[in-house]
Amino acid sequence: MPELTMVPAGELETAMGIEVLEATPQRVVGSIPVAGNTQPFGVLHGGASCVLAETLASVGACLHFGQYDRIAVGAEINATHHAPARGGRVTGVATAVHLGRRLASYEIVLTDENGRRICTARMTAASVATSRGSTKEER
């Protein structure tokens, strides 16, 4: 995944244990551990599901917008939580629905280790101009 070096992991993704396993502008796969990301009742927090979904879609959008020397920022996300995840890892697959010059939209499906769908999300990213090699502080 040489392209992935264009999209460094942020502090939140690192703290939550998110791993990106495969990435192209059209499809991104990643996972998150349930342990350490639960709500008080011991199941994966819905916000953690949204962080995984937005992370995967953002990686794909950054790879797509990179051809225009631009980066991606989240414009909209929504999620439907179908079932709880109680342990192991949750895997997400973000599939591009639209890849334009200004917007990129993804459907993200999260499943538990048994293949049961726990969440369906949709995320739209907008492209923002940046100079290559700039740091967070310079943006």
N, C-alpha and C. Protein backbone atom coordinates (compact mmCIF):
# COMPACT_ATOMS: atom_id res chain seq x y z
N MET A 1 0.82 -1.19 0.00
CA MET A 1 0.00 0.00 0.00
C MET A 1 0.86 1.25 0.00
N PRO A 2 1.67 1.48 -1.00
CA PRO A 2 2.53 2.66 -1.00
C PRO A 2 1.75 3.96 -0.97
N GLU A 3 0.53 3.99 -1.54
CA GLU A 3 -0.27 5.22 -1.54
C GLU A 3 -0.66 5.64 -0.13
N LEU A 4 -0.71 4.69 0.79
CA LEU A 4 -1.19 4.98 2.13
C LEU A 4 -0.28 5.95 2.87
N THR A 5 0.96 6.07 2.47
CA THR A 5 1.85 7.02 3.12
C THR A 5 1.38 8.45 2.91
N MET A 6 0.53 8.66 1.91
CA MET A 6 -0.04 9.99 1.67
C MET A 6 -1.07 10.36 2.73
N VAL A 7 -1.55 9.38 3.51
CA VAL A 7 -2.61 9.60 4.47
C VAL A 7 -2.13 9.12 5.84
N PRO A 8 -1.42 9.96 6.58
CA PRO A 8 -0.90 9.53 7.88
C PRO A 8 -2.03 9.31 8.89
N ALA A 9 -1.82 8.38 9.81
CA ALA A 9 -2.81 8.13 10.86
C ALA A 9 -2.83 9.32 11.82
N GLY A 10 -4.02 9.69 12.25
CA GLY A 10 -4.16 10.76 13.23
C GLY A 10 -4.08 10.21 14.64
N GLU A 11 -4.04 11.09 15.61
CA GLU A 11 -3.94 10.69 17.01
C GLU A 11 -5.14 9.87 17.45
N LEU A 12 -6.34 10.24 17.02
CA LEU A 12 -7.55 9.51 17.43
C LEU A 12 -7.53 8.08 16.90
N GLU A 13 -7.21 7.92 15.63
CA GLU A 13 -7.17 6.59 15.04
C GLU A 13 -6.15 5.71 15.75
N THR A 14 -5.00 6.28 16.06
CA THR A 14 -3.95 5.53 16.75
C THR A 14 -4.41 5.14 18.16
N ALA A 15 -5.00 6.08 18.89
CA ALA A 15 -5.46 5.80 20.25
C ALA A 15 -6.55 4.74 20.29
N MET A 16 -7.39 4.68 19.26
CA MET A 16 -8.49 3.72 19.22
C MET A 16 -8.08 2.38 18.63
N GLY A 17 -6.86 2.27 18.13
CA GLY A 17 -6.40 0.99 17.59
C GLY A 17 -6.90 0.68 16.20
N ILE A 18 -7.27 1.70 15.44
CA ILE A 18 -7.76 1.48 14.08
C ILE A 18 -6.60 1.09 13.17
N GLU A 19 -6.82 0.04 12.39
CA GLU A 19 -5.83 -0.41 11.41
C GLU A 19 -6.45 -0.38 10.03
N VAL A 20 -5.75 0.24 9.08
CA VAL A 20 -6.18 0.21 7.68
C VAL A 20 -5.46 -0.95 7.02
N LEU A 21 -6.23 -1.86 6.45
CA LEU A 21 -5.69 -3.11 5.91
C LEU A 21 -5.49 -3.07 4.40
N GLU A 22 -6.30 -2.28 3.73
CA GLU A 22 -6.24 -2.19 2.26
C GLU A 22 -6.84 -0.86 1.88
N ALA A 23 -6.27 -0.19 0.88
CA ALA A 23 -6.78 1.13 0.54
C ALA A 23 -6.54 1.49 -0.92
N THR A 24 -7.62 1.85 -1.59
CA THR A 24 -7.61 2.47 -2.91
C THR A 24 -8.67 3.56 -2.84
N PRO A 25 -8.72 4.46 -3.81
CA PRO A 25 -9.79 5.46 -3.79
C PRO A 25 -11.19 4.83 -3.85
N GLN A 26 -11.30 3.67 -4.46
CA GLN A 26 -12.60 3.03 -4.64
C GLN A 26 -13.03 2.18 -3.44
N ARG A 27 -12.06 1.65 -2.66
CA ARG A 27 -12.40 0.72 -1.58
C ARG A 27 -11.33 0.76 -0.51
N VAL A 28 -11.78 0.89 0.75
CA VAL A 28 -10.86 0.90 1.88
C VAL A 28 -11.39 -0.08 2.92
N VAL A 29 -10.49 -0.91 3.45
CA VAL A 29 -10.85 -1.89 4.48
C VAL A 29 -10.00 -1.62 5.71
N GLY A 30 -10.64 -1.66 6.88
CA GLY A 30 -9.91 -1.47 8.12
C GLY A 30 -10.68 -2.08 9.28
N SER A 31 -10.08 -2.05 10.46
CA SER A 31 -10.74 -2.64 11.62
C SER A 31 -10.41 -1.86 12.89
N ILE A 32 -11.19 -2.16 13.92
CA ILE A 32 -11.04 -1.53 15.23
C ILE A 32 -11.30 -2.60 16.29
N PRO A 33 -10.54 -2.60 17.39
CA PRO A 33 -10.85 -3.55 18.47
C PRO A 33 -12.06 -3.05 19.26
N VAL A 34 -12.88 -3.98 19.72
CA VAL A 34 -13.99 -3.59 20.58
C VAL A 34 -13.44 -3.18 21.95
N ALA A 35 -12.50 -3.98 22.47
CA ALA A 35 -11.90 -3.68 23.78
C ALA A 35 -11.27 -2.29 23.76
N GLY A 36 -11.60 -1.50 24.77
CA GLY A 36 -11.06 -0.15 24.86
C GLY A 36 -11.89 0.89 24.15
N ASN A 37 -12.91 0.45 23.41
CA ASN A 37 -13.77 1.37 22.64
C ASN A 37 -15.25 1.12 22.93
N THR A 38 -15.55 0.73 24.17
CA THR A 38 -16.92 0.38 24.52
C THR A 38 -17.64 1.51 25.25
N GLN A 39 -18.96 1.40 25.24
CA GLN A 39 -19.78 2.27 26.07
C GLN A 39 -19.98 1.55 27.41
N PRO A 40 -20.66 2.16 28.38
CA PRO A 40 -20.73 1.57 29.72
C PRO A 40 -21.32 0.15 29.80
N PHE A 41 -22.04 -0.29 28.77
CA PHE A 41 -22.66 -1.61 28.82
C PHE A 41 -21.82 -2.68 28.14
N GLY A 42 -20.57 -2.35 27.81
CA GLY A 42 -19.63 -3.34 27.32
C GLY A 42 -19.69 -3.65 25.84
N VAL A 43 -20.41 -2.86 25.06
CA VAL A 43 -20.45 -3.07 23.61
C VAL A 43 -19.77 -1.90 22.91
N LEU A 44 -19.38 -2.11 21.66
CA LEU A 44 -18.71 -1.06 20.91
C LEU A 44 -19.54 0.21 20.91
N HIS A 45 -18.93 1.30 21.29
CA HIS A 45 -19.61 2.60 21.33
C HIS A 45 -20.00 3.01 19.91
N GLY A 46 -21.20 3.54 19.75
CA GLY A 46 -21.65 4.00 18.43
C GLY A 46 -20.74 5.07 17.85
N GLY A 47 -20.18 5.90 18.70
CA GLY A 47 -19.24 6.91 18.23
C GLY A 47 -17.97 6.28 17.67
N ALA A 48 -17.54 5.16 18.26
CA ALA A 48 -16.37 4.45 17.74
C ALA A 48 -16.66 3.89 16.36
N SER A 49 -17.87 3.40 16.16
CA SER A 49 -18.26 2.93 14.83
C SER A 49 -18.18 4.07 13.82
N CYS A 50 -18.64 5.25 14.23
CA CYS A 50 -18.59 6.40 13.33
C CYS A 50 -17.15 6.84 13.05
N VAL A 51 -16.28 6.76 14.06
CA VAL A 51 -14.87 7.11 13.84
C VAL A 51 -14.25 6.16 12.83
N LEU A 52 -14.51 4.85 12.97
CA LEU A 52 -13.98 3.89 12.00
C LEU A 52 -14.53 4.19 10.61
N ALA A 53 -15.83 4.41 10.51
CA ALA A 53 -16.45 4.68 9.20
C ALA A 53 -15.85 5.93 8.56
N GLU A 54 -15.75 7.01 9.32
CA GLU A 54 -15.22 8.25 8.75
C GLU A 54 -13.74 8.12 8.40
N THR A 55 -13.00 7.39 9.21
CA THR A 55 -11.58 7.18 8.92
C THR A 55 -11.41 6.46 7.59
N LEU A 56 -12.14 5.38 7.38
CA LEU A 56 -12.00 4.60 6.15
C LEU A 56 -12.40 5.42 4.93
N ALA A 57 -13.53 6.12 5.03
CA ALA A 57 -13.97 6.94 3.90
C ALA A 57 -12.99 8.08 3.64
N SER A 58 -12.45 8.66 4.70
CA SER A 58 -11.50 9.76 4.54
C SER A 58 -10.20 9.30 3.87
N VAL A 59 -9.75 8.10 4.21
CA VAL A 59 -8.55 7.57 3.56
C VAL A 59 -8.79 7.43 2.06
N GLY A 60 -9.93 6.83 1.69
CA GLY A 60 -10.25 6.69 0.27
C GLY A 60 -10.36 8.03 -0.42
N ALA A 61 -11.02 8.98 0.24
CA ALA A 61 -11.20 10.31 -0.36
C ALA A 61 -9.86 11.03 -0.50
N CYS A 62 -8.98 10.90 0.49
CA CYS A 62 -7.64 11.52 0.38
C CYS A 62 -6.86 10.92 -0.78
N LEU A 63 -6.95 9.62 -0.95
CA LEU A 63 -6.27 8.98 -2.08
C LEU A 63 -6.84 9.49 -3.40
N HIS A 64 -8.16 9.64 -3.45
CA HIS A 64 -8.80 10.16 -4.67
C HIS A 64 -8.42 11.61 -4.93
N PHE A 65 -8.56 12.47 -3.92
CA PHE A 65 -8.28 13.90 -4.11
C PHE A 65 -6.80 14.19 -4.28
N GLY A 66 -5.95 13.26 -3.88
CA GLY A 66 -4.51 13.44 -4.04
C GLY A 66 -4.10 13.69 -5.48
N GLN A 67 -4.84 13.13 -6.43
CA GLN A 67 -4.51 13.35 -7.85
C GLN A 67 -4.71 14.81 -8.25
N TYR A 68 -5.46 15.56 -7.46
CA TYR A 68 -5.69 16.98 -7.72
C TYR A 68 -4.87 17.86 -6.76
N ASP A 69 -3.94 17.25 -6.02
CA ASP A 69 -3.14 17.93 -5.01
C ASP A 69 -4.03 18.58 -3.96
N ARG A 70 -5.02 17.82 -3.51
CA ARG A 70 -5.97 18.29 -2.51
C ARG A 70 -6.12 17.23 -1.43
N ILE A 71 -6.67 17.62 -0.28
CA ILE A 71 -6.95 16.67 0.79
C ILE A 71 -8.46 16.61 1.02
N ALA A 72 -8.88 15.65 1.84
CA ALA A 72 -10.30 15.47 2.13
C ALA A 72 -10.61 15.93 3.55
N VAL A 73 -11.77 16.55 3.71
CA VAL A 73 -12.31 16.87 5.03
C VAL A 73 -13.75 16.38 5.07
N GLY A 74 -14.16 15.90 6.22
CA GLY A 74 -15.53 15.40 6.35
C GLY A 74 -16.55 16.50 6.18
N ALA A 75 -17.58 16.23 5.39
CA ALA A 75 -18.67 17.18 5.19
C ALA A 75 -19.96 16.67 5.84
N GLU A 76 -20.15 15.35 5.86
CA GLU A 76 -21.38 14.77 6.41
C GLU A 76 -21.15 13.30 6.70
N ILE A 77 -21.72 12.83 7.80
CA ILE A 77 -21.71 11.40 8.10
C ILE A 77 -23.02 11.04 8.80
N ASN A 78 -23.54 9.86 8.48
CA ASN A 78 -24.67 9.33 9.23
C ASN A 78 -24.48 7.84 9.38
N ALA A 79 -25.10 7.28 10.40
CA ALA A 79 -24.90 5.86 10.68
C ALA A 79 -26.16 5.27 11.27
N THR A 80 -26.43 4.03 10.90
CA THR A 80 -27.49 3.24 11.51
C THR A 80 -26.82 2.07 12.21
N HIS A 81 -27.06 1.95 13.50
CA HIS A 81 -26.47 0.86 14.29
C HIS A 81 -27.48 -0.28 14.33
N HIS A 82 -27.10 -1.42 13.76
CA HIS A 82 -28.03 -2.55 13.62
C HIS A 82 -27.95 -3.55 14.77
N ALA A 83 -26.75 -3.78 15.29
CA ALA A 83 -26.56 -4.80 16.33
C ALA A 83 -25.31 -4.46 17.13
N PRO A 84 -25.23 -4.94 18.38
CA PRO A 84 -24.05 -4.65 19.19
C PRO A 84 -22.88 -5.56 18.83
N ALA A 85 -21.67 -5.03 19.01
CA ALA A 85 -20.45 -5.84 18.91
C ALA A 85 -19.89 -5.94 20.31
N ARG A 86 -19.72 -7.18 20.80
CA ARG A 86 -19.34 -7.38 22.20
C ARG A 86 -17.88 -7.73 22.42
N GLY A 87 -17.15 -8.07 21.37
CA GLY A 87 -15.75 -8.43 21.55
C GLY A 87 -15.05 -8.60 20.22
N GLY A 88 -13.76 -8.89 20.28
CA GLY A 88 -12.99 -9.09 19.06
C GLY A 88 -12.75 -7.79 18.31
N ARG A 89 -12.71 -7.89 17.00
CA ARG A 89 -12.51 -6.72 16.14
C ARG A 89 -13.72 -6.54 15.23
N VAL A 90 -14.00 -5.30 14.92
CA VAL A 90 -15.03 -4.96 13.94
C VAL A 90 -14.31 -4.51 12.68
N THR A 91 -14.74 -5.03 11.55
CA THR A 91 -14.13 -4.70 10.26
C THR A 91 -15.07 -3.80 9.47
N GLY A 92 -14.50 -2.80 8.84
CA GLY A 92 -15.28 -1.90 8.00
C GLY A 92 -14.79 -1.93 6.57
N VAL A 93 -15.73 -1.84 5.65
CA VAL A 93 -15.42 -1.74 4.22
C VAL A 93 -16.11 -0.49 3.69
N ALA A 94 -15.31 0.47 3.24
CA ALA A 94 -15.83 1.70 2.65
C ALA A 94 -15.76 1.56 1.14
N THR A 95 -16.90 1.70 0.49
CA THR A 95 -16.99 1.58 -0.96
C THR A 95 -17.44 2.91 -1.55
N ALA A 96 -16.70 3.40 -2.53
CA ALA A 96 -17.03 4.69 -3.15
C ALA A 96 -18.37 4.62 -3.86
N VAL A 97 -19.19 5.62 -3.63
CA VAL A 97 -20.46 5.78 -4.31
C VAL A 97 -20.33 6.86 -5.38
N HIS A 98 -19.52 7.89 -5.08
CA HIS A 98 -19.29 9.00 -6.01
C HIS A 98 -17.88 9.54 -5.78
N LEU A 99 -17.11 9.69 -6.85
CA LEU A 99 -15.77 10.28 -6.77
C LEU A 99 -15.69 11.44 -7.75
N GLY A 100 -15.92 12.64 -7.26
CA GLY A 100 -15.86 13.83 -8.11
C GLY A 100 -14.66 14.69 -7.77
N ARG A 101 -14.58 15.87 -8.39
CA ARG A 101 -13.47 16.78 -8.10
C ARG A 101 -13.66 17.52 -6.78
N ARG A 102 -14.90 17.72 -6.36
CA ARG A 102 -15.18 18.47 -5.13
C ARG A 102 -15.69 17.61 -3.99
N LEU A 103 -16.42 16.55 -4.31
CA LEU A 103 -17.01 15.69 -3.29
C LEU A 103 -16.71 14.23 -3.58
N ALA A 104 -16.58 13.45 -2.51
CA ALA A 104 -16.46 12.00 -2.62
C ALA A 104 -17.38 11.41 -1.56
N SER A 105 -18.23 10.46 -1.96
CA SER A 105 -19.17 9.84 -1.03
C SER A 105 -18.92 8.34 -0.96
N TYR A 106 -19.06 7.81 0.24
CA TYR A 106 -18.80 6.39 0.50
C TYR A 106 -19.93 5.77 1.32
N GLU A 107 -20.19 4.49 1.05
CA GLU A 107 -21.02 3.67 1.93
C GLU A 107 -20.05 2.80 2.71
N ILE A 108 -20.24 2.74 4.02
CA ILE A 108 -19.35 1.97 4.87
C ILE A 108 -20.18 0.94 5.62
N VAL A 109 -19.79 -0.33 5.49
CA VAL A 109 -20.47 -1.43 6.18
C VAL A 109 -19.51 -1.99 7.22
N LEU A 110 -19.97 -2.02 8.48
CA LEU A 110 -19.17 -2.58 9.57
C LEU A 110 -19.76 -3.93 9.98
N THR A 111 -18.89 -4.92 10.14
CA THR A 111 -19.33 -6.26 10.53
C THR A 111 -18.48 -6.76 11.70
N ASP A 112 -19.08 -7.65 12.50
CA ASP A 112 -18.31 -8.26 13.59
C ASP A 112 -17.55 -9.47 13.06
N GLU A 113 -16.86 -10.17 13.94
CA GLU A 113 -16.03 -11.29 13.51
C GLU A 113 -16.83 -12.46 12.95
N ASN A 114 -18.14 -12.48 13.19
CA ASN A 114 -19.01 -13.52 12.64
C ASN A 114 -19.64 -13.09 11.32
N GLY A 115 -19.26 -11.92 10.82
CA GLY A 115 -19.81 -11.43 9.56
C GLY A 115 -21.16 -10.77 9.70
N ARG A 116 -21.62 -10.56 10.93
CA ARG A 116 -22.91 -9.92 11.16
C ARG A 116 -22.76 -8.40 11.03
N ARG A 117 -23.64 -7.80 10.23
CA ARG A 117 -23.61 -6.34 10.04
C ARG A 117 -24.01 -5.67 11.34
N ILE A 118 -23.13 -4.80 11.82
CA ILE A 118 -23.46 -4.07 13.05
C ILE A 118 -23.78 -2.60 12.79
N CYS A 119 -23.33 -2.10 11.64
CA CYS A 119 -23.55 -0.68 11.34
C CYS A 119 -23.44 -0.44 9.84
N THR A 120 -24.28 0.44 9.35
CA THR A 120 -24.18 0.94 7.98
C THR A 120 -24.05 2.45 8.06
N ALA A 121 -23.03 3.00 7.43
CA ALA A 121 -22.81 4.44 7.47
C ALA A 121 -22.63 4.98 6.06
N ARG A 122 -22.84 6.29 5.93
CA ARG A 122 -22.59 6.98 4.67
C ARG A 122 -21.83 8.24 5.03
N MET A 123 -20.77 8.50 4.28
CA MET A 123 -19.94 9.68 4.57
C MET A 123 -19.61 10.40 3.28
N THR A 124 -19.67 11.72 3.32
CA THR A 124 -19.27 12.56 2.19
C THR A 124 -18.11 13.43 2.64
N ALA A 125 -17.07 13.47 1.82
CA ALA A 125 -15.90 14.31 2.07
C ALA A 125 -15.82 15.38 1.00
N ALA A 126 -15.34 16.54 1.39
CA ALA A 126 -15.10 17.64 0.45
C ALA A 126 -13.60 17.79 0.24
N SER A 127 -13.22 18.25 -0.94
CA SER A 127 -11.79 18.46 -1.21
C SER A 127 -11.39 19.87 -0.79
N VAL A 128 -10.18 19.97 -0.24
CA VAL A 128 -9.63 21.24 0.22
C VAL A 128 -8.21 21.35 -0.32
N ALA A 129 -7.87 22.52 -0.84
CA ALA A 129 -6.52 22.72 -1.37
C ALA A 129 -5.49 22.71 -0.25
N THR A 130 -4.34 22.17 -0.54
CA THR A 130 -3.21 22.16 0.39
C THR A 130 -1.93 22.03 -0.40
N SER A 131 -0.82 22.37 0.23
CA SER A 131 0.46 22.16 -0.45
C SER A 131 1.05 20.85 0.06
N ARG A 132 1.61 20.07 -0.83
CA ARG A 132 2.21 18.78 -0.45
C ARG A 132 3.33 19.02 0.56
N GLY A 133 3.39 18.13 1.53
CA GLY A 133 4.44 18.21 2.53
C GLY A 133 4.15 19.19 3.65
N SER A 134 3.00 19.84 3.64
CA SER A 134 2.70 20.79 4.71
C SER A 134 2.36 20.02 5.98
N THR A 135 2.63 20.63 7.11
CA THR A 135 2.30 20.02 8.39
C THR A 135 0.92 20.46 8.80
N LYS A 136 0.39 19.82 9.85
CA LYS A 136 -0.92 20.21 10.36
C LYS A 136 -0.94 21.69 10.70
N GLU A 137 0.16 22.18 11.31
CA GLU A 137 0.21 23.58 11.72
C GLU A 137 0.17 24.53 10.53
N GLU A 138 0.72 24.08 9.38
CA GLU A 138 0.76 24.95 8.20
C GLU A 138 -0.57 24.99 7.47
N ARG A 139 -1.43 24.03 7.71
CA ARG A 139 -2.69 23.96 6.96
C ARG A 139 -3.64 24.97 7.46
